[in-house]
Amino acid sequence: MIFGASEDKDVTGMFNAIKSHLNRVIGTKAVHPRAMKPKLIVEKAIRLGIPAETAIHVEDALARALELAASGGELVLSAGSMFVTAEVKTALGKTNYEFQITD
């Protein structure tokens, strides 16, 4: 999962709600003044036993997530901030991958 959130969000609560469905979190941040630092996101994930790593830029997070998913045939999820998901969508449009956006 590619994940970024604003500093005032309950990231631990979000992770608790979905951790049983996650193989890995890639903490990143959108270009937004209230974005939480990726290092803090990863620390929260690791405290809950979720493997995690950082990617400073959303495009880097997407590249890493696609690399991991391709090797295991898994899905890539972008969650947390809509600003991050918007940047993922833009970055994905620059690749050759097909994608589906769900509401």
Protein backbone atom coordinates (compact mmCIF):
# COMPACT_ATOMS: atom_id res chain seq x y z
CA MET A 1 0.00 0.00 0.00
CA ILE A 2 1.22 3.46 -0.90
CA PHE A 3 0.24 5.63 2.05
CA GLY A 4 0.42 9.28 2.94
CA ALA A 5 -1.70 11.38 5.29
CA SER A 6 -1.95 14.82 6.85
CA GLU A 7 -0.22 15.36 10.17
CA ASP A 8 -3.52 15.57 12.07
CA LYS A 9 -4.90 12.18 10.96
CA ASP A 10 -5.16 9.00 13.05
CA VAL A 11 -2.72 6.94 11.00
CA THR A 12 -2.41 4.27 13.69
CA GLY A 13 -6.19 3.83 13.68
CA MET A 14 -6.24 3.57 9.90
CA PHE A 15 -3.50 0.94 9.93
CA ASN A 16 -5.23 -1.01 12.69
CA ALA A 17 -8.39 -1.16 10.59
CA ILE A 18 -6.68 -2.72 7.56
CA LYS A 19 -3.40 -4.24 8.76
CA SER A 20 -4.56 -7.83 8.26
CA HIS A 21 -4.87 -7.10 4.52
CA LEU A 22 -1.45 -5.51 4.06
CA ASN A 23 1.84 -7.04 3.02
CA ARG A 24 3.78 -3.78 3.11
CA VAL A 25 3.33 -0.04 3.55
CA ILE A 26 5.31 2.43 1.50
CA GLY A 27 5.13 5.68 3.41
CA THR A 28 5.29 8.79 1.26
CA LYS A 29 3.93 12.33 1.19
CA ALA A 30 2.10 14.54 -1.23
CA VAL A 31 3.26 18.02 -2.08
CA HIS A 32 1.10 19.58 0.62
CA PRO A 33 2.06 21.73 3.62
CA ARG A 34 0.25 19.51 6.16
CA ALA A 35 1.66 16.20 4.87
CA MET A 36 3.07 13.85 7.49
CA LYS A 37 6.71 12.90 7.03
CA PRO A 38 7.12 9.42 5.48
CA LYS A 39 9.46 8.40 8.30
CA LEU A 40 6.68 8.92 10.86
CA ILE A 41 4.23 6.88 8.77
CA VAL A 42 6.69 4.02 8.55
CA GLU A 43 7.40 4.13 12.29
CA LYS A 44 3.66 3.81 13.01
CA ALA A 45 3.32 0.86 10.61
CA ILE A 46 6.33 -0.97 12.05
CA ARG A 47 5.02 -0.51 15.62
CA LEU A 48 1.92 -2.43 14.48
CA GLY A 49 3.98 -5.20 12.90
CA ILE A 50 3.43 -4.09 9.30
CA PRO A 51 6.56 -4.22 7.11
CA ALA A 52 7.19 -0.71 5.83
CA GLU A 53 9.61 1.48 3.95
CA THR A 54 9.81 5.11 2.91
CA ALA A 55 9.72 6.82 -0.45
CA ILE A 56 10.14 10.57 -0.26
CA HIS A 57 8.33 11.20 -3.56
CA VAL A 58 5.01 9.67 -4.59
CA GLU A 59 6.41 8.67 -7.99
CA ASP A 60 9.14 6.68 -6.22
CA ALA A 61 6.54 5.03 -3.98
CA LEU A 62 4.54 4.01 -7.04
CA ALA A 63 7.59 2.59 -8.80
CA ARG A 64 8.49 0.55 -5.73
CA ALA A 65 4.92 -0.68 -5.22
CA LEU A 66 4.64 -1.76 -8.85
CA GLU A 67 7.98 -3.56 -8.58
CA LEU A 68 6.83 -5.45 -5.49
CA ALA A 69 3.40 -6.25 -6.94
CA ALA A 70 4.84 -7.54 -10.21
CA SER A 71 7.04 -10.03 -8.44
CA GLY A 72 4.16 -11.42 -6.37
CA GLY A 73 1.12 -10.79 -8.57
CA GLU A 74 -0.42 -8.52 -5.94
CA LEU A 75 -2.50 -5.36 -6.03
CA VAL A 76 -1.29 -1.85 -5.32
CA LEU A 77 -3.46 0.34 -3.13
CA SER A 78 -3.06 4.06 -2.62
CA ALA A 79 -4.66 5.28 0.59
CA GLY A 80 -4.70 7.88 3.32
CA SER A 81 -4.65 11.26 1.68
CA MET A 82 -6.53 12.06 -1.50
CA PHE A 83 -3.58 14.31 -2.35
CA VAL A 84 -1.30 11.25 -2.42
CA THR A 85 -3.80 9.25 -4.47
CA ALA A 86 -4.11 12.13 -6.97
CA GLU A 87 -0.32 12.17 -7.35
CA VAL A 88 -0.30 8.37 -7.78
CA LYS A 89 -2.94 8.66 -10.50
CA THR A 90 -0.88 11.29 -12.31
CA ALA A 91 2.31 9.22 -12.01
CA LEU A 92 0.53 6.07 -13.12
CA GLY A 93 -0.65 7.87 -16.24
CA LYS A 94 3.01 8.17 -17.20
CA THR A 95 3.52 4.38 -17.08
CA ASN A 96 2.37 1.48 -19.25
CA TYR A 97 0.31 -0.09 -16.46
CA GLU A 98 -3.44 -0.34 -16.57
CA PHE A 99 -5.32 0.93 -13.54
CA GLN A 100 -8.79 1.07 -12.09
CA ILE A 101 -10.10 3.73 -9.75
CA THR A 102 -12.87 2.72 -7.40
CA ASP A 103 -15.07 4.89 -5.22
